């Protein structure tokens, strides 16, 4: 099985990269309702961990666990932001704008995230 993600770097040019996930890992990751809610929330717009928790209606601990899982899988990236009050926080955004999964025998599934 191969998983391909179409990504948009900041320059708005699309490119394709292989993500090294097995079918089992991918289905375990997105088989979880909270992971799907967290991922969906940041496909709408990049958010802080607290913003993700609020928008996805999950606890902050759940949001951060799912965000870390997605980051480890290579589907989410973070950026440090400096707040007006001098504090800093992480902002999470999706890397993939679509996922294409080939299962063999001509079976391919593509999932597009919101732009």
Protein backbone atom coordinates (compact mmCIF):
# COMPACT_ATOMS: atom_id res chain seq x y z
CA UNK A 1 0.00 0.00 0.00
CA UNK A 2 1.19 3.52 -0.63
CA UNK A 3 -0.08 6.77 0.78
CA UNK A 4 0.51 9.97 -1.13
CA UNK A 5 -0.29 13.42 0.17
CA UNK A 6 -0.66 16.53 -1.92
CA UNK A 7 0.78 19.41 0.00
CA UNK A 8 0.73 23.18 -0.31
CA UNK A 9 3.85 24.94 0.88
CA UNK A 10 3.55 28.61 1.83
CA UNK A 11 4.29 29.64 -1.78
CA UNK A 12 0.95 28.04 -2.79
CA UNK A 13 2.55 25.58 -5.25
CA UNK A 14 1.28 22.03 -4.96
CA UNK A 15 3.64 19.11 -4.69
CA UNK A 16 3.37 15.44 -3.86
CA UNK A 17 5.28 13.50 -1.22
CA UNK A 18 5.07 9.94 0.01
CA UNK A 19 4.05 9.55 3.63
CA UNK A 20 5.41 6.38 5.20
CA UNK A 21 2.24 4.98 6.83
CA UNK A 22 1.02 1.43 6.66
CA UNK A 23 -2.66 0.77 5.97
CA UNK A 24 -3.08 -0.32 9.56
CA UNK A 25 -1.48 2.87 10.90
CA UNK A 26 -3.58 5.07 8.64
CA UNK A 27 -6.84 3.33 9.49
CA UNK A 28 -6.00 3.36 13.21
CA UNK A 29 -5.20 7.05 13.04
CA UNK A 30 -8.34 8.13 11.18
CA UNK A 31 -10.51 5.39 12.66
CA UNK A 32 -10.59 7.49 15.82
CA UNK A 33 -13.45 10.02 15.93
CA UNK A 34 -11.41 12.56 17.89
CA UNK A 35 -8.53 12.43 15.42
CA UNK A 36 -10.94 13.04 12.55
CA UNK A 37 -12.50 16.00 14.40
CA UNK A 38 -9.11 17.50 15.25
CA UNK A 39 -7.82 17.05 11.69
CA UNK A 40 -10.99 18.49 10.20
CA UNK A 41 -10.72 21.52 12.48
CA UNK A 42 -7.23 22.41 11.33
CA UNK A 43 -8.05 21.81 7.66
CA UNK A 44 -10.52 24.69 8.04
CA UNK A 45 -7.75 26.99 9.32
CA UNK A 46 -4.50 26.74 11.30
CA UNK A 47 -5.12 26.98 15.04
CA UNK A 48 -3.42 26.88 18.40
CA UNK A 49 -3.84 23.75 20.52
CA UNK A 50 -6.43 25.53 22.65
CA UNK A 51 -8.22 26.72 19.50
CA UNK A 52 -8.27 23.16 18.16
CA UNK A 53 -9.71 21.84 21.42
CA UNK A 54 -12.45 24.46 21.43
CA UNK A 55 -13.36 24.11 17.74
CA UNK A 56 -13.32 20.28 17.84
CA UNK A 57 -15.17 20.22 21.17
CA UNK A 58 -12.58 18.00 22.87
CA UNK A 59 -10.42 18.44 25.96
CA UNK A 60 -7.04 20.10 25.49
CA UNK A 61 -5.30 16.86 26.48
CA UNK A 62 -7.22 14.96 23.78
CA UNK A 63 -6.51 17.66 21.20
CA UNK A 64 -2.78 17.65 21.93
CA UNK A 65 -2.57 13.83 21.88
CA UNK A 66 -4.28 13.71 18.48
CA UNK A 67 -2.23 16.62 17.13
CA UNK A 68 0.98 14.89 18.22
CA UNK A 69 -0.15 11.64 16.55
CA UNK A 70 -0.91 13.53 13.34
CA UNK A 71 2.41 15.38 13.52
CA UNK A 72 4.34 12.13 14.04
CA UNK A 73 2.55 10.71 10.99
CA UNK A 74 3.74 13.71 8.95
CA UNK A 75 0.23 15.08 8.33
CA UNK A 76 0.44 18.14 10.59
CA UNK A 77 3.17 20.72 11.10
CA UNK A 78 3.63 23.36 13.75
CA UNK A 79 4.86 26.89 13.77
CA UNK A 80 5.79 28.97 16.83
CA UNK A 81 3.94 32.24 17.06
CA UNK A 82 4.71 35.21 19.29
CA UNK A 83 1.62 36.64 20.99
CA UNK A 84 1.05 40.33 21.68
CA UNK A 85 1.61 39.71 25.40
CA UNK A 86 5.11 38.34 24.74
CA UNK A 87 4.20 34.68 25.23
CA UNK A 88 4.60 32.15 22.46
CA UNK A 89 2.34 29.33 21.31
CA UNK A 90 2.34 26.61 18.71
CA UNK A 91 0.05 26.92 15.73
CA UNK A 92 -0.97 23.67 14.05
CA UNK A 93 -1.78 23.30 10.36
CA UNK A 94 -2.32 20.40 8.03
CA UNK A 95 0.42 19.48 5.63
CA UNK A 96 -1.74 17.41 3.35
CA UNK A 97 -4.56 18.94 1.37
CA UNK A 98 -5.55 15.53 0.04
CA UNK A 99 -4.66 11.92 0.75
CA UNK A 100 -4.59 9.25 -1.91
CA UNK A 101 -4.44 5.63 -0.82
CA UNK A 102 -3.67 2.77 -3.21
CA UNK A 103 -4.68 -0.64 -1.89
CA UNK A 104 -3.70 -2.67 -4.92
CA UNK A 105 -5.85 -4.40 -7.54
CA UNK A 106 -6.67 -0.95 -8.95
CA UNK A 107 -8.35 0.27 -5.77
CA UNK A 108 -7.50 3.86 -4.94
CA UNK A 109 -9.18 6.19 -2.46
CA UNK A 110 -8.64 9.96 -2.37
CA UNK A 111 -9.77 12.17 0.48
CA UNK A 112 -9.68 15.94 -0.09
CA UNK A 113 -9.39 18.31 2.84
CA UNK A 114 -11.09 21.69 2.73
CA UNK A 115 -9.01 24.43 1.10
